[in-house]
């Protein structure tokens, strides 16, 4: 993991086409702005983990059985 220090209104660039800016700092909370191409998905980590879990459930044997039951 790369750890960087940034101040309000400073930014960093990832892969030449993603910019992460520090918009606001209040106490222990930091507000980020992210500029990226539309095809780059951006999720909060907790949402990303929920998506991954749902995807795993959908390909599980139980999920396949449920799909078979729906399709007849």
C-alpha atoms as a PDB file:
ATOM      1  CA  UNK A   1       0.000   0.000   0.000  1.00  0.00           C
ATOM      2  CA  UNK A   2       1.197   3.448  -0.894  1.00  0.00           C
ATOM      3  CA  UNK A   3       0.532   6.057   1.816  1.00  0.00           C
ATOM      4  CA  UNK A   4       0.509   9.718   0.760  1.00  0.00           C
ATOM      5  CA  UNK A   5      -0.104  12.948   2.634  1.00  0.00           C
ATOM      6  CA  UNK A   6      -2.404  15.451   0.939  1.00  0.00           C
ATOM      7  CA  UNK A   7      -3.931  18.743   2.061  1.00  0.00           C
ATOM      8  CA  UNK A   8      -7.267  20.281   1.153  1.00  0.00           C
ATOM      9  CA  UNK A   9      -7.507  21.082  -2.583  1.00  0.00           C
ATOM     10  CA  UNK A  10      -4.563  18.805  -3.404  1.00  0.00           C
ATOM     11  CA  UNK A  11      -4.954  15.755  -5.628  1.00  0.00           C
ATOM     12  CA  UNK A  12      -3.277  12.644  -6.927  1.00  0.00           C
ATOM     13  CA  UNK A  13      -3.455  10.967 -10.323  1.00  0.00           C
ATOM     14  CA  UNK A  14      -3.874   7.220 -10.867  1.00  0.00           C
ATOM     15  CA  UNK A  15      -3.136   5.559 -14.216  1.00  0.00           C
ATOM     16  CA  UNK A  16      -3.142   8.862 -16.143  1.00  0.00           C
ATOM     17  CA  UNK A  17      -6.964   9.105 -16.167  1.00  0.00           C
ATOM     18  CA  UNK A  18      -8.204   9.008 -12.567  1.00  0.00           C
ATOM     19  CA  UNK A  19      -7.888  12.040 -10.298  1.00  0.00           C
ATOM     20  CA  UNK A  20      -8.581  11.864  -6.566  1.00  0.00           C
ATOM     21  CA  UNK A  21      -8.933  15.278  -4.878  1.00  0.00           C
ATOM     22  CA  UNK A  22      -9.245  16.237  -1.234  1.00  0.00           C
ATOM     23  CA  UNK A  23     -12.342  18.439  -1.114  1.00  0.00           C
ATOM     24  CA  UNK A  24     -12.844  18.942   2.600  1.00  0.00           C
ATOM     25  CA  UNK A  25     -11.422  17.870   5.954  1.00  0.00           C
ATOM     26  CA  UNK A  26     -13.617  18.004   9.077  1.00  0.00           C
ATOM     27  CA  UNK A  27     -12.151  16.398  12.178  1.00  0.00           C
ATOM     28  CA  UNK A  28     -11.538  12.748  11.313  1.00  0.00           C
ATOM     29  CA  UNK A  29     -13.654  12.830   8.144  1.00  0.00           C
ATOM     30  CA  UNK A  30     -12.193  13.507   4.705  1.00  0.00           C
ATOM     31  CA  UNK A  31     -14.369  14.276   1.655  1.00  0.00           C
ATOM     32  CA  UNK A  32     -12.870  12.999  -1.592  1.00  0.00           C
ATOM     33  CA  UNK A  33     -13.692  13.896  -5.165  1.00  0.00           C
ATOM     34  CA  UNK A  34     -12.955  11.303  -7.841  1.00  0.00           C
ATOM     35  CA  UNK A  35     -12.803  12.068 -11.554  1.00  0.00           C
ATOM     36  CA  UNK A  36     -12.609   8.959 -13.725  1.00  0.00           C
ATOM     37  CA  UNK A  37     -13.905   7.698 -17.061  1.00  0.00           C
ATOM     38  CA  UNK A  38     -17.498   6.410 -16.939  1.00  0.00           C
ATOM     39  CA  UNK A  39     -16.356   2.850 -17.633  1.00  0.00           C
ATOM     40  CA  UNK A  40     -14.317   2.784 -14.401  1.00  0.00           C
ATOM     41  CA  UNK A  41     -16.525   1.530 -11.569  1.00  0.00           C
ATOM     42  CA  UNK A  42     -16.040   3.302  -8.234  1.00  0.00           C
ATOM     43  CA  UNK A  43     -17.524   1.848  -5.034  1.00  0.00           C
ATOM     44  CA  UNK A  44     -17.170   2.378  -1.325  1.00  0.00           C
ATOM     45  CA  UNK A  45     -15.399  -0.694   0.012  1.00  0.00           C
ATOM     46  CA  UNK A  46     -18.375  -1.912   2.062  1.00  0.00           C
ATOM     47  CA  UNK A  47     -20.619  -1.753  -1.023  1.00  0.00           C
ATOM     48  CA  UNK A  48     -17.989  -3.517  -3.136  1.00  0.00           C
ATOM     49  CA  UNK A  49     -17.777  -6.332  -0.585  1.00  0.00           C
ATOM     50  CA  UNK A  50     -21.573  -6.707  -0.584  1.00  0.00           C
ATOM     51  CA  UNK A  51     -21.548  -6.963  -4.381  1.00  0.00           C
ATOM     52  CA  UNK A  52     -18.821  -9.598  -4.256  1.00  0.00           C
ATOM     53  CA  UNK A  53     -20.748 -11.582  -1.645  1.00  0.00           C
ATOM     54  CA  UNK A  54     -23.949 -11.421  -3.705  1.00  0.00           C
ATOM     55  CA  UNK A  55     -22.031 -12.574  -6.789  1.00  0.00           C
ATOM     56  CA  UNK A  56     -20.610 -15.527  -4.853  1.00  0.00           C
ATOM     57  CA  UNK A  57     -24.078 -16.474  -3.625  1.00  0.00           C
ATOM     58  CA  UNK A  58     -25.496 -16.302  -7.139  1.00  0.00           C
ATOM     59  CA  UNK A  59     -23.015 -18.889  -8.418  1.00  0.00           C
ATOM     60  CA  UNK A  60     -23.307 -21.192  -5.416  1.00  0.00           C
ATOM     61  CA  UNK A  61     -25.088 -24.531  -5.710  1.00  0.00           C
ATOM     62  CA  UNK A  62     -28.082 -23.117  -3.832  1.00  0.00           C
ATOM     63  CA  UNK A  63     -28.272 -20.267  -6.324  1.00  0.00           C
ATOM     64  CA  UNK A  64     -28.145 -22.702  -9.230  1.00  0.00           C
ATOM     65  CA  UNK A  65     -30.914 -24.806  -7.701  1.00  0.00           C
ATOM     66  CA  UNK A  66     -33.060 -21.712  -7.174  1.00  0.00           C
ATOM     67  CA  UNK A  67     -32.493 -20.716 -10.802  1.00  0.00           C
ATOM     68  CA  UNK A  68     -33.433 -24.193 -12.007  1.00  0.00           C
ATOM     69  CA  UNK A  69     -36.636 -24.008  -9.946  1.00  0.00           C
ATOM     70  CA  UNK A  70     -37.502 -20.629 -11.449  1.00  0.00           C
ATOM     71  CA  UNK A  71     -36.894 -21.801 -14.981  1.00  0.00           C
ATOM     72  CA  UNK A  72     -38.797 -25.047 -14.462  1.00  0.00           C
END
